[in-house]
C-alpha atoms as a PDB file:
ATOM      1  CA  MET A   1      30.135  26.574   3.537  1.00  0.00           C
ATOM      2  CA  VAL A   2      28.051  23.956   5.367  1.00  0.00           C
ATOM      3  CA  GLY A   3      25.454  26.595   6.304  1.00  0.00           C
ATOM      4  CA  GLU A   4      24.952  27.344   2.608  1.00  0.00           C
ATOM      5  CA  ASP A   5      24.317  23.669   1.871  1.00  0.00           C
ATOM      6  CA  VAL A   6      21.359  23.384   4.256  1.00  0.00           C
ATOM      7  CA  PRO A   7      18.898  25.343   2.060  1.00  0.00           C
ATOM      8  CA  HIS A   8      20.069  23.259  -0.895  1.00  0.00           C
ATOM      9  CA  ALA A   9      19.492  20.054   1.116  1.00  0.00           C
ATOM     10  CA  ILE A  10      15.989  21.251   1.974  1.00  0.00           C
ATOM     11  CA  GLN A  11      15.304  21.855  -1.717  1.00  0.00           C
ATOM     12  CA  LEU A  12      16.585  18.363  -2.569  1.00  0.00           C
ATOM     13  CA  ALA A  13      14.437  16.817   0.182  1.00  0.00           C
ATOM     14  CA  LEU A  14      11.197  18.374  -1.110  1.00  0.00           C
ATOM     15  CA  ALA A  15      10.753  15.912  -3.991  1.00  0.00           C
ATOM     16  CA  PRO A  16      11.063  12.841  -1.731  1.00  0.00           C
ATOM     17  CA  ILE A  17       8.662  14.450   0.739  1.00  0.00           C
ATOM     18  CA  PHE A  18       6.046  14.752  -2.013  1.00  0.00           C
ATOM     19  CA  LEU A  19       6.649  11.084  -2.845  1.00  0.00           C
ATOM     20  CA  LEU A  20       6.173  10.261   0.836  1.00  0.00           C
ATOM     21  CA  THR A  21       2.825  12.091   0.775  1.00  0.00           C
ATOM     22  CA  GLY A  22       1.704  10.055  -2.241  1.00  0.00           C
ATOM     23  CA  ILE A  23       2.728   6.794  -0.588  1.00  0.00           C
ATOM     24  CA  ALA A  24       0.792   7.798   2.533  1.00  0.00           C
ATOM     25  CA  GLY A  25      -2.315   8.307   0.394  1.00  0.00           C
ATOM     26  CA  MET A  26      -1.893   4.860  -1.165  1.00  0.00           C
ATOM     27  CA  LEU A  27      -1.405   3.301   2.276  1.00  0.00           C
ATOM     28  CA  ASN A  28      -4.652   4.932   3.395  1.00  0.00           C
ATOM     29  CA  VAL A  29      -6.525   3.372   0.455  1.00  0.00           C
ATOM     30  CA  MET A  30      -4.917  -0.031   1.043  1.00  0.00           C
ATOM     31  CA  ALA A  31      -5.639   0.000   4.780  1.00  0.00           C
ATOM     32  CA  ALA A  32      -9.291   0.882   4.142  1.00  0.00           C
ATOM     33  CA  ARG A  33      -9.540  -1.967   1.659  1.00  0.00           C
ATOM     34  CA  LEU A  34      -7.953  -4.381   4.137  1.00  0.00           C
ATOM     35  CA  GLY A  35     -10.494  -3.229   6.730  1.00  0.00           C
ATOM     36  CA  ARG A  36     -13.381  -4.019   4.378  1.00  0.00           C
ATOM     37  CA  ILE A  37     -11.934  -7.473   3.665  1.00  0.00           C
ATOM     38  CA  ILE A  38     -11.661  -8.182   7.391  1.00  0.00           C
ATOM     39  CA  ASP A  39     -15.180  -6.879   8.061  1.00  0.00           C
ATOM     40  CA  ARG A  40     -16.612  -9.098   5.308  1.00  0.00           C
ATOM     41  CA  GLY A  41     -14.784 -12.105   6.759  1.00  0.00           C
ATOM     42  CA  ARG A  42     -16.170 -11.384  10.210  1.00  0.00           C
ATOM     43  CA  ARG A  43     -19.713 -11.070   8.835  1.00  0.00           C
ATOM     44  CA  LEU A  44     -19.364 -14.420   7.081  1.00  0.00           C
ATOM     45  CA  THR A  45     -17.864 -16.073  10.157  1.00  0.00           C
ATOM     46  CA  ASN A  46     -20.712 -14.794  12.346  1.00  0.00           C
ATOM     47  CA  ALA A  47     -23.361 -15.287   9.646  1.00  0.00           C
ATOM     48  CA  SER A  48     -26.110 -16.482  11.988  1.00  0.00           C
ATOM     49  CA  GLY A  49     -27.431 -12.985  12.691  1.00  0.00           C
ATOM     50  CA  SER A  50     -25.957 -11.011   9.817  1.00  0.00           C
ATOM     51  CA  GLY A  51     -28.504 -11.728   7.116  1.00  0.00           C
ATOM     52  CA  VAL A  52     -25.833 -13.345   4.890  1.00  0.00           C
ATOM     53  CA  VAL A  53     -27.385 -16.345   3.162  1.00  0.00           C
ATOM     54  CA  LEU A  54     -24.768 -18.693   1.709  1.00  0.00           C
ATOM     55  CA  SER A  55     -24.462 -22.430   1.591  1.00  0.00           C
ATOM     56  CA  PRO A  56     -21.646 -23.843   3.753  1.00  0.00           C
ATOM     57  CA  ASP A  57     -19.636 -24.641   0.612  1.00  0.00           C
ATOM     58  CA  ASP A  58     -20.083 -21.130  -0.813  1.00  0.00           C
ATOM     59  CA  ARG A  59     -19.168 -19.620   2.559  1.00  0.00           C
ATOM     60  CA  THR A  60     -15.973 -21.689   2.658  1.00  0.00           C
ATOM     61  CA  VAL A  61     -15.030 -20.645  -0.885  1.00  0.00           C
ATOM     62  CA  GLU A  62     -15.635 -16.988  -0.092  1.00  0.00           C
ATOM     63  CA  LEU A  63     -13.701 -17.154   3.188  1.00  0.00           C
ATOM     64  CA  ARG A  64     -10.741 -18.699   1.357  1.00  0.00           C
ATOM     65  CA  SER A  65     -10.914 -15.961  -1.253  1.00  0.00           C
ATOM     66  CA  LEU A  66     -11.057 -13.295   1.459  1.00  0.00           C
ATOM     67  CA  GLU A  67      -8.070 -14.839   3.233  1.00  0.00           C
ATOM     68  CA  HIS A  68      -6.061 -14.781  -0.004  1.00  0.00           C
ATOM     69  CA  ARG A  69      -7.069 -11.175  -0.631  1.00  0.00           C
ATOM     70  CA  ARG A  70      -6.193 -10.270   2.985  1.00  0.00           C
ATOM     71  CA  ARG A  71      -2.698 -11.680   2.534  1.00  0.00           C
ATOM     72  CA  LEU A  72      -2.247  -9.751  -0.705  1.00  0.00           C
ATOM     73  CA  ALA A  73      -3.474  -6.494   0.851  1.00  0.00           C
ATOM     74  CA  GLN A  74      -1.170  -7.023   3.824  1.00  0.00           C
ATOM     75  CA  ALA A  75       1.811  -7.682   1.512  1.00  0.00           C
ATOM     76  CA  ALA A  76       1.000  -4.553  -0.521  1.00  0.00           C
ATOM     77  CA  ILE A  77       0.845  -2.479   2.665  1.00  0.00           C
ATOM     78  CA  THR A  78       4.148  -3.938   3.834  1.00  0.00           C
ATOM     79  CA  ALA A  79       5.898  -3.185   0.524  1.00  0.00           C
ATOM     80  CA  CYS A  80       4.561   0.384   0.388  1.00  0.00           C
ATOM     81  CA  THR A  81       5.451   1.002   4.041  1.00  0.00           C
ATOM     82  CA  PHE A  82       8.974  -0.219   3.294  1.00  0.00           C
ATOM     83  CA  ALA A  83       9.062   2.200   0.340  1.00  0.00           C
ATOM     84  CA  ALA A  84       8.050   5.045   2.674  1.00  0.00           C
ATOM     85  CA  LEU A  85      10.780   4.073   5.146  1.00  0.00           C
ATOM     86  CA  LEU A  86      13.351   4.105   2.361  1.00  0.00           C
ATOM     87  CA  VAL A  87      12.169   7.577   1.299  1.00  0.00           C
ATOM     88  CA  CYS A  88      12.653   8.756   4.887  1.00  0.00           C
ATOM     89  CA  MET A  89      16.172   7.369   4.758  1.00  0.00           C
ATOM     90  CA  VAL A  90      16.779   9.233   1.474  1.00  0.00           C
ATOM     91  CA  ILE A  91      15.740  12.482   3.159  1.00  0.00           C
ATOM     92  CA  ALA A  92      17.994  11.791   6.156  1.00  0.00           C
ATOM     93  CA  THR A  93      20.882  10.909   3.829  1.00  0.00           C
ATOM     94  CA  LEU A  94      20.471  14.157   1.898  1.00  0.00           C
ATOM     95  CA  PHE A  95      20.616  16.148   5.135  1.00  0.00           C
ATOM     96  CA  LEU A  96      23.622  14.215   6.444  1.00  0.00           C
ATOM     97  CA  GLU A  97      25.413  14.846   3.180  1.00  0.00           C
ATOM     98  CA  ALA A  98      24.705  18.589   3.391  1.00  0.00           C
ATOM     99  CA  LEU A  99      25.386  19.000   7.100  1.00  0.00           C
ATOM    100  CA  LEU A 100      28.473  16.808   7.421  1.00  0.00           C
ATOM    101  CA  GLY A 101      29.846  17.247   3.923  1.00  0.00           C
ATOM    102  CA  LEU A 102      29.910  13.485   3.336  1.00  0.00           C
ATOM    103  CA  PRO A 103      29.771  12.081  -0.213  1.00  0.00           C
ATOM    104  CA  LEU A 104      26.486  10.166   0.175  1.00  0.00           C
ATOM    105  CA  LYS A 105      24.825  10.761  -3.202  1.00  0.00           C
ATOM    106  CA  TRP A 106      25.431   7.111  -4.109  1.00  0.00           C
ATOM    107  CA  LEU A 107      23.623   5.980  -0.940  1.00  0.00           C
ATOM    108  CA  ALA A 108      20.710   8.337  -1.587  1.00  0.00           C
ATOM    109  CA  GLY A 109      20.475   6.985  -5.137  1.00  0.00           C
ATOM    110  CA  ILE A 110      20.433   3.366  -3.989  1.00  0.00           C
ATOM    111  CA  LEU A 111      17.823   4.096  -1.300  1.00  0.00           C
ATOM    112  CA  PHE A 112      15.652   5.994  -3.791  1.00  0.00           C
ATOM    113  CA  ALA A 113      15.886   3.181  -6.355  1.00  0.00           C
ATOM    114  CA  GLY A 114      14.992   0.673  -3.635  1.00  0.00           C
ATOM    115  CA  SER A 115      12.024   2.786  -2.629  1.00  0.00           C
ATOM    116  CA  THR A 116      10.786   2.974  -6.205  1.00  0.00           C
ATOM    117  CA  VAL A 117      11.106  -0.795  -6.665  1.00  0.00           C
ATOM    118  CA  SER A 118       9.351  -1.467  -3.355  1.00  0.00           C
ATOM    119  CA  LEU A 119       6.536   0.922  -4.278  1.00  0.00           C
ATOM    120  CA  ALA A 120       6.140  -0.741  -7.682  1.00  0.00           C
ATOM    121  CA  ILE A 121       5.971  -4.168  -6.028  1.00  0.00           C
ATOM    122  CA  GLY A 122       3.372  -2.934  -3.533  1.00  0.00           C
ATOM    123  CA  LEU A 123       1.236  -1.411  -6.267  1.00  0.00           C
ATOM    124  CA  GLY A 124       1.500  -4.588  -8.339  1.00  0.00           C
ATOM    125  CA  ILE A 125       0.363  -6.718  -5.402  1.00  0.00           C
ATOM    126  CA  PHE A 126      -2.474  -4.272  -4.720  1.00  0.00           C
ATOM    127  CA  LEU A 127      -3.539  -4.486  -8.362  1.00  0.00           C
ATOM    128  CA  ARG A 128      -3.637  -8.285  -8.050  1.00  0.00           C
ATOM    129  CA  GLU A 129      -5.890  -8.002  -4.980  1.00  0.00           C
ATOM    130  CA  VAL A 130      -8.235  -5.656  -6.836  1.00  0.00           C
ATOM    131  CA  HIS A 131      -8.422  -8.084  -9.771  1.00  0.00           C
ATOM    132  CA  LEU A 132      -9.270 -10.955  -7.417  1.00  0.00           C
ATOM    133  CA  ALA A 133     -11.970  -8.857  -5.778  1.00  0.00           C
ATOM    134  CA  THR A 134     -13.588  -7.892  -9.063  1.00  0.00           C
ATOM    135  CA  ARG A 135     -13.412 -11.473 -10.320  1.00  0.00           C
ATOM    136  CA  SER A 136     -15.205 -12.785  -7.242  1.00  0.00           C
ATOM    137  CA  VAL A 137     -18.139 -10.370  -7.506  1.00  0.00           C
ATOM    138  CA  ARG A 138     -20.854 -10.764 -10.079  1.00  0.00           C
ATOM    139  CA  ILE A 139     -23.351  -7.972 -10.578  1.00  0.00           C
ATOM    140  CA  GLU A 140     -26.516  -8.982 -12.319  1.00  0.00           C
ATOM    141  CA  LEU A 141     -28.426  -6.386 -14.253  1.00  0.00           C
ATOM    142  CA  ARG A 142     -32.147  -6.950 -14.408  1.00  0.00           C
ATOM    143  CA  GLU A 143     -34.560  -4.998 -16.467  1.00  0.00           C
ATOM    144  CA  PRO A 144     -37.507  -3.530 -14.557  1.00  0.00           C
ATOM    145  CA  GLY A 145     -40.591  -5.731 -14.723  1.00  0.00           C
ATOM    146  CA  ARG A 146     -38.782  -8.970 -15.494  1.00  0.00           C
END
């Protein structure tokens, strides 16, 4: 009886594994963005030889903005990593239920709901960081010859 439940548990675990793959992709994007924020902060901090020309006041404003964005990116990464950990626990719970015959569907449901909420929070924080980044950058369009 338990041996028959293992293939079923594997089938049930496939959906969370696909979710885990999607979260990993988002974490990759967020980590790359955090890296760019940190690199920009380092360039501004060591501006003497970097070619960055900003007044001390503008540099301070930009460094504060980068620090705020860094905190947001870090919080988004933390929330999405927590979501991934909860998905891993869902997968483990599904296997424990199948292998040991324990009634753990309620636990898997709670863990999955927690993962979804954590992922939504992480994506919301990431969206806030993106909005701050786009608000702080102004791109001027100039017509040729003017």
